[in-house]
Amino acid sequence: MASPAVEIEVESRVVRVSNPDRVYFPEIGATKLDLVEYYLAVGEGIVNALWERPCMLHRFPKGLAGDKVHQKRLPAGAPPWVETVQLYFPRWKRTADELCVTELASVIWAVQMSTVEFHPWNSRRGATEMPDEWRIDLDPGPAATYDDIREVAHVAHGILDELGAVGYPKTSGSKGLHVYVRIRPDHDHKGVRRAALAFAREVERRVPELVTTTWWKKDRDPASVFVDYNQNARDHTIAAAYSVRGLPDARVSTPVRWDEIDDADPRDFTIRTVPARFAELGDLHHDIDDHVFDIAPLLEWAERDDAEGAAGPSPEQPEE
């Protein structure tokens, strides 16, 4: 039998949560209500990560034991206060209204609708075609270790320092590491992706024994770390800071300090442990908007690479 619904007060809103005792994460026995309580505990952080960004939802209507639904369109039945942004998808030749978080209650309502993961765009609704966030995604190959990720992260950090850019790292919530840089919204997605590729190539030059920018998986060394520049392409999204991941241990994509990189293990950050960390440290990405970087130097690197005949990447993947 379904457990009785509960009403959750979220600031000035009340969100009704049905089936609160449904087990979403069987490995640790975490329920839908546990997920709600987790997002309430990190509310300031998740709202900051999602603020006014188009957001794709990864929903698990039956918990992790059931099917996963990648949902662009806002689920039906949303209360009138849940805000959206309309996007056009050329591949579909149609539009979709995606969730656009402006308050914590919208996050909790999405969890009520079985959302586990939140995947925002790197642009905001006021200028959806002009990203204000550059994302560095360190993706380990099947034979790479997390020590390799750590070493590459330090190299990336050093290059960011040389550029005068402030990077905000977080665990991916899986096996990798992400670094976010706030940028001026002066370029479209293709321009930001081009800059991201130039940066990835520079990381590869510094540690060619560890890093690859080769696009096709079949052509990569399985022991290398792929710096995934394509995460900056239009409609490519990755889990937000403080987003839970759809993994059995309810792992969380968690902001970390640079001085924690050597010791932090992604497996340490779950819905059971992150609330206490957040209560102690607050949102480690809270001031990201205060450090805005101009990607012009990266575009100069891209021009240099073109002039030197650097092998070009494959065409961008089409939008979903």
C-alpha atoms as a PDB file:
ATOM      1  CA  MET A   1       0.000   0.000   0.000  1.00  0.00           C
ATOM      2  CA  ALA A   2       1.067   3.547  -0.713  1.00  0.00           C
ATOM      3  CA  SER A   3       2.056   5.487   2.383  1.00  0.00           C
ATOM      4  CA  PRO A   4      -0.075   8.539   3.283  1.00  0.00           C
ATOM      5  CA  ALA A   5       0.956  11.801   1.676  1.00  0.00           C
ATOM      6  CA  VAL A   6       2.674  14.462   3.766  1.00  0.00           C
ATOM      7  CA  GLU A   7       2.678  18.234   3.366  1.00  0.00           C
ATOM      8  CA  ILE A   8       6.043  19.987   3.392  1.00  0.00           C
ATOM      9  CA  GLU A   9       6.301  23.702   4.163  1.00  0.00           C
ATOM     10  CA  VAL A  10       8.930  25.336   1.980  1.00  0.00           C
ATOM     11  CA  GLU A  11       9.249  29.016   2.741  1.00  0.00           C
ATOM     12  CA  SER A  12       5.867  30.466   1.681  1.00  0.00           C
ATOM     13  CA  ARG A  13       4.745  27.329  -0.204  1.00  0.00           C
ATOM     14  CA  VAL A  14       3.262  24.006   0.793  1.00  0.00           C
ATOM     15  CA  VAL A  15       4.237  20.977  -1.316  1.00  0.00           C
ATOM     16  CA  ARG A  16       2.264  17.764  -1.004  1.00  0.00           C
ATOM     17  CA  VAL A  17       4.544  14.700  -1.203  1.00  0.00           C
ATOM     18  CA  SER A  18       2.795  11.473  -2.119  1.00  0.00           C
ATOM     19  CA  ASN A  19       4.206   8.011  -1.299  1.00  0.00           C
ATOM     20  CA  PRO A  20       6.860   9.455   1.039  1.00  0.00           C
ATOM     21  CA  ASP A  21       7.942   5.993   2.199  1.00  0.00           C
ATOM     22  CA  ARG A  22       8.624   4.644  -1.280  1.00  0.00           C
ATOM     23  CA  VAL A  23      12.195   3.335  -1.259  1.00  0.00           C
ATOM     24  CA  TYR A  24      14.221   5.095  -3.949  1.00  0.00           C
ATOM     25  CA  PHE A  25      17.684   3.773  -3.039  1.00  0.00           C
ATOM     26  CA  PRO A  26      17.392   0.133  -1.928  1.00  0.00           C
ATOM     27  CA  GLU A  27      21.105  -0.210  -1.105  1.00  0.00           C
ATOM     28  CA  ILE A  28      20.822   2.274   1.769  1.00  0.00           C
ATOM     29  CA  GLY A  29      17.055   2.174   2.315  1.00  0.00           C
ATOM     30  CA  ALA A  30      16.596   5.857   1.448  1.00  0.00           C
ATOM     31  CA  THR A  31      13.036   6.905   0.650  1.00  0.00           C
ATOM     32  CA  LYS A  32      11.377   9.634  -1.334  1.00  0.00           C
ATOM     33  CA  LEU A  33      10.957  11.623   1.886  1.00  0.00           C
ATOM     34  CA  ASP A  34      14.676  11.185   2.629  1.00  0.00           C
ATOM     35  CA  LEU A  35      15.358  12.717  -0.784  1.00  0.00           C
ATOM     36  CA  VAL A  36      13.049  15.641  -0.001  1.00  0.00           C
ATOM     37  CA  GLU A  37      14.758  16.203   3.352  1.00  0.00           C
ATOM     38  CA  TYR A  38      18.180  16.089   1.699  1.00  0.00           C
ATOM     39  CA  TYR A  39      17.271  18.830  -0.795  1.00  0.00           C
ATOM     40  CA  LEU A  40      15.761  20.930   2.008  1.00  0.00           C
ATOM     41  CA  ALA A  41      19.038  20.618   3.918  1.00  0.00           C
ATOM     42  CA  VAL A  42      21.120  21.913   0.980  1.00  0.00           C
ATOM     43  CA  GLY A  43      18.426  24.270  -0.282  1.00  0.00           C
ATOM     44  CA  GLU A  44      20.575  27.379  -0.629  1.00  0.00           C
ATOM     45  CA  GLY A  45      23.201  25.452  -2.576  1.00  0.00           C
ATOM     46  CA  ILE A  46      20.901  23.665  -5.022  1.00  0.00           C
ATOM     47  CA  VAL A  47      18.937  26.858  -5.739  1.00  0.00           C
ATOM     48  CA  ASN A  48      22.181  28.736  -6.400  1.00  0.00           C
ATOM     49  CA  ALA A  49      23.298  25.993  -8.802  1.00  0.00           C
ATOM     50  CA  LEU A  50      19.989  25.986 -10.703  1.00  0.00           C
ATOM     51  CA  TRP A  51      19.006  29.648 -10.474  1.00  0.00           C
ATOM     52  CA  GLU A  52      17.129  30.693 -13.636  1.00  0.00           C
ATOM     53  CA  ARG A  53      18.733  27.953 -15.725  1.00  0.00           C
ATOM     54  CA  PRO A  54      16.713  25.694 -18.047  1.00  0.00           C
ATOM     55  CA  CYS A  55      16.793  22.355 -16.283  1.00  0.00           C
ATOM     56  CA  MET A  56      16.351  18.811 -17.538  1.00  0.00           C
ATOM     57  CA  LEU A  57      15.021  16.380 -14.947  1.00  0.00           C
ATOM     58  CA  HIS A  58      16.146  12.793 -14.461  1.00  0.00           C
ATOM     59  CA  ARG A  59      13.106  11.110 -12.946  1.00  0.00           C
ATOM     60  CA  PHE A  60      12.734   7.657 -11.367  1.00  0.00           C
ATOM     61  CA  PRO A  61       8.964   7.155 -10.913  1.00  0.00           C
ATOM     62  CA  LYS A  62       9.493   3.746  -9.279  1.00  0.00           C
ATOM     63  CA  GLY A  63      12.798   4.543  -7.617  1.00  0.00           C
ATOM     64  CA  LEU A  64      16.124   3.235  -8.897  1.00  0.00           C
ATOM     65  CA  ALA A  65      14.594  -0.210  -9.363  1.00  0.00           C
ATOM     66  CA  GLY A  66      12.429   1.178 -12.157  1.00  0.00           C
ATOM     67  CA  ASP A  67      13.034   3.009 -15.409  1.00  0.00           C
ATOM     68  CA  LYS A  68      14.820   6.330 -15.649  1.00  0.00           C
ATOM     69  CA  VAL A  69      13.062   9.141 -17.507  1.00  0.00           C
ATOM     70  CA  HIS A  70      15.010  12.047 -19.046  1.00  0.00           C
ATOM     71  CA  GLN A  71      12.461  14.845 -19.073  1.00  0.00           C
ATOM     72  CA  LYS A  72      12.881  18.210 -20.747  1.00  0.00           C
ATOM     73  CA  ARG A  73       9.270  19.308 -20.565  1.00  0.00           C
ATOM     74  CA  LEU A  74       7.895  20.289 -17.187  1.00  0.00           C
ATOM     75  CA  PRO A  75       5.783  17.398 -15.865  1.00  0.00           C
ATOM     76  CA  ALA A  76       2.040  17.953 -16.030  1.00  0.00           C
ATOM     77  CA  GLY A  77       0.217  19.215 -12.978  1.00  0.00           C
ATOM     78  CA  ALA A  78       2.694  21.864 -11.876  1.00  0.00           C
ATOM     79  CA  PRO A  79       1.303  24.553  -9.546  1.00  0.00           C
ATOM     80  CA  PRO A  80       1.157  28.049 -11.064  1.00  0.00           C
ATOM     81  CA  TRP A  81       4.139  29.297  -9.069  1.00  0.00           C
ATOM     82  CA  VAL A  82       6.582  26.830 -10.693  1.00  0.00           C
ATOM     83  CA  GLU A  83       8.460  28.838 -13.319  1.00  0.00           C
ATOM     84  CA  THR A  84       9.629  27.681 -16.750  1.00  0.00           C
ATOM     85  CA  VAL A  85      11.560  28.867 -19.772  1.00  0.00           C
ATOM     86  CA  GLN A  86      10.651  27.987 -23.352  1.00  0.00           C
ATOM     87  CA  LEU A  87      13.404  26.540 -25.525  1.00  0.00           C
ATOM     88  CA  TYR A  88      13.505  25.682 -29.210  1.00  0.00           C
ATOM     89  CA  PHE A  89      14.998  22.352 -30.319  1.00  0.00           C
ATOM     90  CA  PRO A  90      15.934  22.311 -34.011  1.00  0.00           C
ATOM     91  CA  ARG A  91      16.145  18.521 -34.119  1.00  0.00           C
ATOM     92  CA  TRP A  92      12.511  18.268 -33.036  1.00  0.00           C
ATOM     93  CA  LYS A  93      11.444  21.475 -34.804  1.00  0.00           C
ATOM     94  CA  ARG A  94       9.412  22.311 -31.721  1.00  0.00           C
ATOM     95  CA  THR A  95       9.634  23.960 -28.328  1.00  0.00           C
ATOM     96  CA  ALA A  96       9.612  22.702 -24.769  1.00  0.00           C
ATOM     97  CA  ASP A  97       8.950  24.491 -21.490  1.00  0.00           C
ATOM     98  CA  GLU A  98      11.688  23.434 -19.065  1.00  0.00           C
ATOM     99  CA  LEU A  99      11.777  23.930 -15.317  1.00  0.00           C
ATOM    100  CA  CYS A 100      13.480  27.182 -14.321  1.00  0.00           C
ATOM    101  CA  VAL A 101      14.196  27.226 -10.588  1.00  0.00           C
ATOM    102  CA  THR A 102      13.799  30.521  -8.747  1.00  0.00           C
ATOM    103  CA  GLU A 103      12.902  29.120  -5.305  1.00  0.00           C
ATOM    104  CA  LEU A 104      13.456  25.988  -3.267  1.00  0.00           C
ATOM    105  CA  ALA A 105       9.793  24.957  -3.433  1.00  0.00           C
ATOM    106  CA  SER A 106      10.224  24.294  -7.176  1.00  0.00           C
ATOM    107  CA  VAL A 107      13.008  21.831  -6.390  1.00  0.00           C
ATOM    108  CA  ILE A 108      10.890  20.048  -3.798  1.00  0.00           C
ATOM    109  CA  TRP A 109       7.927  19.905  -6.183  1.00  0.00           C
ATOM    110  CA  ALA A 110      10.193  18.310  -8.811  1.00  0.00           C
ATOM    111  CA  VAL A 111      11.280  15.713  -6.231  1.00  0.00           C
ATOM    112  CA  GLN A 112       7.610  15.049  -5.523  1.00  0.00           C
ATOM    113  CA  MET A 113       7.349  14.326  -9.249  1.00  0.00           C
ATOM    114  CA  SER A 114      10.069  11.635  -8.793  1.00  0.00           C
ATOM    115  CA  THR A 115      13.052  13.751  -9.853  1.00  0.00           C
ATOM    116  CA  VAL A 116      16.361  12.543  -8.440  1.00  0.00           C
ATOM    117  CA  GLU A 117      18.868  14.417 -10.628  1.00  0.00           C
ATOM    118  CA  PHE A 118      18.840  18.051 -11.793  1.00  0.00           C
ATOM    119  CA  HIS A 119      20.746  18.831 -14.999  1.00  0.00           C
ATOM    120  CA  PRO A 120      20.819  22.576 -15.769  1.00  0.00           C
ATOM    121  CA  TRP A 121      22.015  24.380 -18.876  1.00  0.00           C
ATOM    122  CA  ASN A 122      25.156  26.515 -18.737  1.00  0.00           C
ATOM    123  CA  SER A 123      23.085  29.587 -19.647  1.00  0.00           C
ATOM    124  CA  ARG A 124      20.212  31.422 -17.986  1.00  0.00           C
ATOM    125  CA  ARG A 125      16.701  32.119 -19.182  1.00  0.00           C
ATOM    126  CA  GLY A 126      17.400  35.782 -19.944  1.00  0.00           C
ATOM    127  CA  ALA A 127      19.912  34.737 -22.620  1.00  0.00           C
ATOM    128  CA  THR A 128      19.631  31.007 -23.202  1.00  0.00           C
ATOM    129  CA  GLU A 129      21.901  31.070 -26.276  1.00  0.00           C
ATOM    130  CA  MET A 130      24.753  32.873 -24.461  1.00  0.00           C
ATOM    131  CA  PRO A 131      26.364  30.712 -21.744  1.00  0.00           C
ATOM    132  CA  ASP A 132      27.656  32.302 -18.558  1.00  0.00           C
ATOM    133  CA  GLU A 133      29.269  29.090 -17.304  1.00  0.00           C
ATOM    134  CA  TRP A 134      32.234  27.195 -18.701  1.00  0.00           C
ATOM    135  CA  ARG A 135      32.329  23.576 -17.571  1.00  0.00           C
ATOM    136  CA  ILE A 136      35.485  21.483 -17.365  1.00  0.00           C
ATOM    137  CA  ASP A 137      34.527  17.808 -17.159  1.00  0.00           C
ATOM    138  CA  LEU A 138      37.275  15.350 -16.239  1.00  0.00           C
ATOM    139  CA  ASP A 139      35.964  11.965 -17.333  1.00  0.00           C
ATOM    140  CA  PRO A 140      38.105   8.910 -16.496  1.00  0.00           C
ATOM    141  CA  GLY A 141      38.538   6.101 -18.974  1.00  0.00           C
ATOM    142  CA  PRO A 142      37.707   2.567 -17.798  1.00  0.00           C
ATOM    143  CA  ALA A 143      41.320   1.901 -16.781  1.00  0.00           C
ATOM    144  CA  ALA A 144      41.992   5.344 -15.266  1.00  0.00           C
ATOM    145  CA  THR A 145      42.042   5.827 -11.491  1.00  0.00           C
ATOM    146  CA  TYR A 146      40.732   8.610  -9.310  1.00  0.00           C
ATOM    147  CA  ASP A 147      44.371   9.461  -8.546  1.00  0.00           C
ATOM    148  CA  ASP A 148      44.688  10.237 -12.263  1.00  0.00           C
ATOM    149  CA  ILE A 149      41.671  12.541 -11.981  1.00  0.00           C
ATOM    150  CA  ARG A 150      43.290  14.292  -9.028  1.00  0.00           C
ATOM    151  CA  GLU A 151      46.544  14.849 -10.915  1.00  0.00           C
ATOM    152  CA  VAL A 152      44.765  16.227 -13.980  1.00  0.00           C
ATOM    153  CA  ALA A 153      42.629  18.465 -11.750  1.00  0.00           C
ATOM    154  CA  HIS A 154      45.764  20.043 -10.282  1.00  0.00           C
ATOM    155  CA  VAL A 155      47.138  20.664 -13.775  1.00  0.00           C
ATOM    156  CA  ALA A 156      43.860  22.270 -14.831  1.00  0.00           C
ATOM    157  CA  HIS A 157      43.899  24.390 -11.673  1.00  0.00           C
ATOM    158  CA  GLY A 158      47.395  25.609 -12.481  1.00  0.00           C
ATOM    159  CA  ILE A 159      46.384  26.651 -16.000  1.00  0.00           C
ATOM    160  CA  LEU A 160      43.318  28.451 -14.655  1.00  0.00           C
ATOM    161  CA  ASP A 161      45.577  30.358 -12.258  1.00  0.00           C
ATOM    162  CA  GLU A 162      47.832  31.349 -15.166  1.00  0.00           C
ATOM    163  CA  LEU A 163      44.775  32.643 -17.013  1.00  0.00           C
ATOM    164  CA  GLY A 164      43.468  34.521 -13.984  1.00  0.00           C
ATOM    165  CA  ALA A 165      40.310  32.394 -13.945  1.00  0.00           C
ATOM    166  CA  VAL A 166      38.717  31.151 -10.721  1.00  0.00           C
ATOM    167  CA  GLY A 167      37.612  27.529 -10.929  1.00  0.00           C
ATOM    168  CA  TYR A 168      35.044  25.946  -8.636  1.00  0.00           C
ATOM    169  CA  PRO A 169      35.527  22.168  -8.392  1.00  0.00           C
ATOM    170  CA  LYS A 170      32.961  19.537  -7.466  1.00  0.00           C
ATOM    171  CA  THR A 171      32.764  15.782  -7.624  1.00  0.00           C
ATOM    172  CA  SER A 172      30.669  14.555 -10.518  1.00  0.00           C
ATOM    173  CA  GLY A 173      28.765  12.248  -8.194  1.00  0.00           C
ATOM    174  CA  SER A 174      30.078   9.329 -10.220  1.00  0.00           C
ATOM    175  CA  LYS A 175      33.740   8.708 -11.131  1.00  0.00           C
ATOM    176  CA  GLY A 176      34.903  12.090 -12.368  1.00  0.00           C
ATOM    177  CA  LEU A 177      35.384  15.705 -11.375  1.00  0.00           C
ATOM    178  CA  HIS A 178      33.892  18.938 -12.692  1.00  0.00           C
ATOM    179  CA  VAL A 179      35.269  22.462 -12.517  1.00  0.00           C
ATOM    180  CA  TYR A 180      32.976  25.426 -13.187  1.00  0.00           C
ATOM    181  CA  VAL A 181      34.125  28.885 -14.235  1.00  0.00           C
ATOM    182  CA  ARG A 182      31.759  31.822 -14.426  1.00  0.00           C
ATOM    183  CA  ILE A 183      32.242  33.642 -17.742  1.00  0.00           C
ATOM    184  CA  ARG A 184      30.961  36.756 -19.457  1.00  0.00           C
ATOM    185  CA  PRO A 185      27.942  35.844 -21.626  1.00  0.00           C
ATOM    186  CA  ASP A 186      29.571  37.267 -24.756  1.00  0.00           C
ATOM    187  CA  HIS A 187      29.637  34.114 -26.903  1.00  0.00           C
ATOM    188  CA  ASP A 188      27.199  31.471 -28.059  1.00  0.00           C
ATOM    189  CA  HIS A 189      27.502  27.791 -27.204  1.00  0.00           C
ATOM    190  CA  LYS A 190      29.750  27.087 -30.185  1.00  0.00           C
ATOM    191  CA  GLY A 191      32.136  29.819 -29.082  1.00  0.00           C
ATOM    192  CA  VAL A 192      32.285  28.538 -25.508  1.00  0.00           C
ATOM    193  CA  ARG A 193      32.744  24.964 -26.721  1.00  0.00           C
ATOM    194  CA  ARG A 194      35.599  26.134 -28.953  1.00  0.00           C
ATOM    195  CA  ALA A 195      37.233  27.829 -25.957  1.00  0.00           C
ATOM    196  CA  ALA A 196      36.724  24.716 -23.838  1.00  0.00           C
ATOM    197  CA  LEU A 197      38.419  22.582 -26.496  1.00  0.00           C
ATOM    198  CA  ALA A 198      41.407  24.943 -26.572  1.00  0.00           C
ATOM    199  CA  PHE A 199      41.735  24.621 -22.805  1.00  0.00           C
ATOM    200  CA  ALA A 200      41.414  20.826 -22.992  1.00  0.00           C
ATOM    201  CA  ARG A 201      44.210  20.705 -25.571  1.00  0.00           C
ATOM    202  CA  GLU A 202      46.425  22.775 -23.282  1.00  0.00           C
ATOM    203  CA  VAL A 203      45.829  20.340 -20.422  1.00  0.00           C
ATOM    204  CA  GLU A 204      46.686  17.508 -22.826  1.00  0.00           C
ATOM    205  CA  ARG A 205      49.946  19.239 -23.783  1.00  0.00           C
ATOM    206  CA  ARG A 206      50.968  19.473 -20.131  1.00  0.00           C
ATOM    207  CA  VAL A 207      50.237  15.827 -19.257  1.00  0.00           C
ATOM    208  CA  PRO A 208      49.933  13.858 -22.518  1.00  0.00           C
ATOM    209  CA  GLU A 209      50.534  10.623 -20.663  1.00  0.00           C
ATOM    210  CA  LEU A 210      47.330  11.150 -18.681  1.00  0.00           C
ATOM    211  CA  VAL A 211      44.960  13.224 -20.818  1.00  0.00           C
ATOM    212  CA  THR A 212      43.186  12.837 -24.128  1.00  0.00           C
ATOM    213  CA  THR A 213      40.957  15.097 -26.189  1.00  0.00           C
ATOM    214  CA  THR A 214      40.225  12.334 -28.717  1.00  0.00           C
ATOM    215  CA  TRP A 215      36.491  12.420 -29.327  1.00  0.00           C
ATOM    216  CA  TRP A 216      35.673   8.822 -30.256  1.00  0.00           C
ATOM    217  CA  LYS A 217      35.800   6.439 -27.306  1.00  0.00           C
ATOM    218  CA  LYS A 218      37.112   3.581 -29.440  1.00  0.00           C
ATOM    219  CA  ASP A 219      40.201   5.645 -30.262  1.00  0.00           C
ATOM    220  CA  ARG A 220      41.057   6.669 -26.691  1.00  0.00           C
ATOM    221  CA  ASP A 221      43.577   5.058 -24.383  1.00  0.00           C
ATOM    222  CA  PRO A 222      41.342   3.445 -21.712  1.00  0.00           C
ATOM    223  CA  ALA A 223      43.807   4.595 -19.030  1.00  0.00           C
ATOM    224  CA  SER A 224      43.466   8.273 -19.994  1.00  0.00           C
ATOM    225  CA  VAL A 225      41.287  11.067 -18.642  1.00  0.00           C
ATOM    226  CA  PHE A 226      39.058  12.649 -21.279  1.00  0.00           C
ATOM    227  CA  VAL A 227      38.592  16.403 -20.855  1.00  0.00           C
ATOM    228  CA  ASP A 228      35.055  16.545 -22.201  1.00  0.00           C
ATOM    229  CA  TYR A 229      34.782  19.941 -23.873  1.00  0.00           C
ATOM    230  CA  ASN A 230      31.511  18.938 -25.536  1.00  0.00           C
ATOM    231  CA  GLN A 231      29.687  19.415 -22.238  1.00  0.00           C
ATOM    232  CA  ASN A 232      29.639  23.078 -23.264  1.00  0.00           C
ATOM    233  CA  ALA A 233      27.605  22.432 -26.418  1.00  0.00           C
ATOM    234  CA  ARG A 234      24.007  23.620 -26.601  1.00  0.00           C
ATOM    235  CA  ASP A 235      21.592  21.457 -24.598  1.00  0.00           C
ATOM    236  CA  HIS A 236      24.365  19.321 -23.140  1.00  0.00           C
ATOM    237  CA  THR A 237      23.918  19.167 -19.405  1.00  0.00           C
ATOM    238  CA  ILE A 238      25.603  17.615 -16.394  1.00  0.00           C
ATOM    239  CA  ALA A 239      24.389  17.147 -12.849  1.00  0.00           C
ATOM    240  CA  ALA A 240      24.267  20.349 -10.832  1.00  0.00           C
ATOM    241  CA  ALA A 241      26.234  21.012  -7.685  1.00  0.00           C
ATOM    242  CA  TYR A 242      24.334  19.324  -4.832  1.00  0.00           C
ATOM    243  CA  SER A 243      22.337  17.153  -7.230  1.00  0.00           C
ATOM    244  CA  VAL A 244      21.853  13.590  -6.066  1.00  0.00           C
ATOM    245  CA  ARG A 245      22.841  10.997  -8.648  1.00  0.00           C
ATOM    246  CA  GLY A 246      20.856   7.928  -9.616  1.00  0.00           C
ATOM    247  CA  LEU A 247      23.357   5.529  -8.070  1.00  0.00           C
ATOM    248  CA  PRO A 248      22.608   2.856  -5.447  1.00  0.00           C
ATOM    249  CA  ASP A 249      24.465   4.684  -2.665  1.00  0.00           C
ATOM    250  CA  ALA A 250      22.620   7.993  -3.318  1.00  0.00           C
ATOM    251  CA  ARG A 251      25.844   9.777  -4.135  1.00  0.00           C
ATOM    252  CA  VAL A 252      25.849  13.583  -4.495  1.00  0.00           C
ATOM    253  CA  SER A 253      27.715  15.857  -6.913  1.00  0.00           C
ATOM    254  CA  THR A 254      29.450  17.845  -4.186  1.00  0.00           C
ATOM    255  CA  PRO A 255      31.490  21.065  -4.229  1.00  0.00           C
ATOM    256  CA  VAL A 256      34.946  20.634  -2.739  1.00  0.00           C
ATOM    257  CA  ARG A 257      37.824  23.019  -2.006  1.00  0.00           C
ATOM    258  CA  TRP A 258      40.961  22.749  -4.101  1.00  0.00           C
ATOM    259  CA  ASP A 259      42.904  21.732  -0.998  1.00  0.00           C
ATOM    260  CA  GLU A 260      40.523  18.782  -0.534  1.00  0.00           C
ATOM    261  CA  ILE A 261      41.141  17.266  -3.961  1.00  0.00           C
ATOM    262  CA  ASP A 262      43.906  14.906  -2.793  1.00  0.00           C
ATOM    263  CA  ASP A 263      41.849  13.417   0.029  1.00  0.00           C
ATOM    264  CA  ALA A 264      38.222  13.717  -1.069  1.00  0.00           C
ATOM    265  CA  ASP A 265      36.623  10.536  -2.390  1.00  0.00           C
ATOM    266  CA  PRO A 266      33.364  10.825  -4.376  1.00  0.00           C
ATOM    267  CA  ARG A 267      31.981   7.842  -2.462  1.00  0.00           C
ATOM    268  CA  ASP A 268      32.143   9.860   0.761  1.00  0.00           C
ATOM    269  CA  PHE A 269      29.467  12.302  -0.395  1.00  0.00           C
ATOM    270  CA  THR A 270      25.916  10.952  -0.174  1.00  0.00           C
ATOM    271  CA  ILE A 271      22.524  12.180   0.967  1.00  0.00           C
ATOM    272  CA  ARG A 272      23.482  10.792   4.396  1.00  0.00           C
ATOM    273  CA  THR A 273      26.715  12.801   4.732  1.00  0.00           C
ATOM    274  CA  VAL A 274      26.399  15.989   2.672  1.00  0.00           C
ATOM    275  CA  PRO A 275      23.768  17.758   4.845  1.00  0.00           C
ATOM    276  CA  ALA A 276      26.154  17.866   7.845  1.00  0.00           C
ATOM    277  CA  ARG A 277      28.976  19.039   5.583  1.00  0.00           C
ATOM    278  CA  PHE A 278      26.724  21.747   4.154  1.00  0.00           C
ATOM    279  CA  ALA A 279      25.656  22.853   7.637  1.00  0.00           C
ATOM    280  CA  GLU A 280      29.329  23.244   8.573  1.00  0.00           C
ATOM    281  CA  LEU A 281      30.773  24.750   5.375  1.00  0.00           C
ATOM    282  CA  GLY A 282      27.790  26.282   3.585  1.00  0.00           C
ATOM    283  CA  ASP A 283      27.744  26.492  -0.206  1.00  0.00           C
ATOM    284  CA  LEU A 284      31.330  26.413  -1.479  1.00  0.00           C
ATOM    285  CA  HIS A 285      30.084  27.865  -4.790  1.00  0.00           C
ATOM    286  CA  HIS A 286      28.212  30.758  -3.173  1.00  0.00           C
ATOM    287  CA  ASP A 287      30.464  33.484  -4.623  1.00  0.00           C
ATOM    288  CA  ILE A 288      30.986  32.077  -8.116  1.00  0.00           C
ATOM    289  CA  ASP A 289      29.164  35.048  -9.657  1.00  0.00           C
ATOM    290  CA  ASP A 290      31.776  37.378  -8.145  1.00  0.00           C
ATOM    291  CA  HIS A 291      34.572  35.921 -10.299  1.00  0.00           C
ATOM    292  CA  VAL A 292      33.749  36.368 -13.983  1.00  0.00           C
ATOM    293  CA  PHE A 293      36.287  35.379 -16.635  1.00  0.00           C
ATOM    294  CA  ASP A 294      36.608  36.630 -20.220  1.00  0.00           C
ATOM    295  CA  ILE A 295      37.300  33.623 -22.497  1.00  0.00           C
ATOM    296  CA  ALA A 296      39.116  35.759 -25.094  1.00  0.00           C
ATOM    297  CA  PRO A 297      42.534  34.202 -24.251  1.00  0.00           C
ATOM    298  CA  LEU A 298      41.113  30.735 -24.849  1.00  0.00           C
ATOM    299  CA  LEU A 299      39.744  31.785 -28.222  1.00  0.00           C
ATOM    300  CA  GLU A 300      43.225  33.080 -29.067  1.00  0.00           C
ATOM    301  CA  TRP A 301      44.550  29.627 -28.177  1.00  0.00           C
ATOM    302  CA  ALA A 302      41.939  28.141 -30.493  1.00  0.00           C
ATOM    303  CA  GLU A 303      43.144  30.386 -33.333  1.00  0.00           C
ATOM    304  CA  ARG A 304      46.721  29.305 -32.616  1.00  0.00           C
ATOM    305  CA  ASP A 305      45.725  25.647 -32.693  1.00  0.00           C
ATOM    306  CA  ASP A 306      43.953  26.149 -36.021  1.00  0.00           C
ATOM    307  CA  ALA A 307      47.019  27.879 -37.457  1.00  0.00           C
ATOM    308  CA  GLU A 308      49.239  25.033 -36.282  1.00  0.00           C
ATOM    309  CA  GLY A 309      46.937  22.469 -37.853  1.00  0.00           C
ATOM    310  CA  ALA A 310      45.678  20.839 -34.690  1.00  0.00           C
ATOM    311  CA  ALA A 311      43.415  17.920 -35.485  1.00  0.00           C
ATOM    312  CA  GLY A 312      39.835  19.067 -35.316  1.00  0.00           C
ATOM    313  CA  PRO A 313      37.192  17.366 -33.195  1.00  0.00           C
ATOM    314  CA  SER A 314      34.240  15.517 -34.609  1.00  0.00           C
ATOM    315  CA  PRO A 315      31.151  17.575 -35.387  1.00  0.00           C
ATOM    316  CA  GLU A 316      29.052  18.474 -32.381  1.00  0.00           C
ATOM    317  CA  GLN A 317      26.633  15.849 -31.279  1.00  0.00           C
ATOM    318  CA  PRO A 318      23.077  16.768 -32.249  1.00  0.00           C
ATOM    319  CA  GLU A 319      20.733  18.074 -29.609  1.00  0.00           C
ATOM    320  CA  GLU A 320      18.425  15.603 -27.942  1.00  0.00           C
END
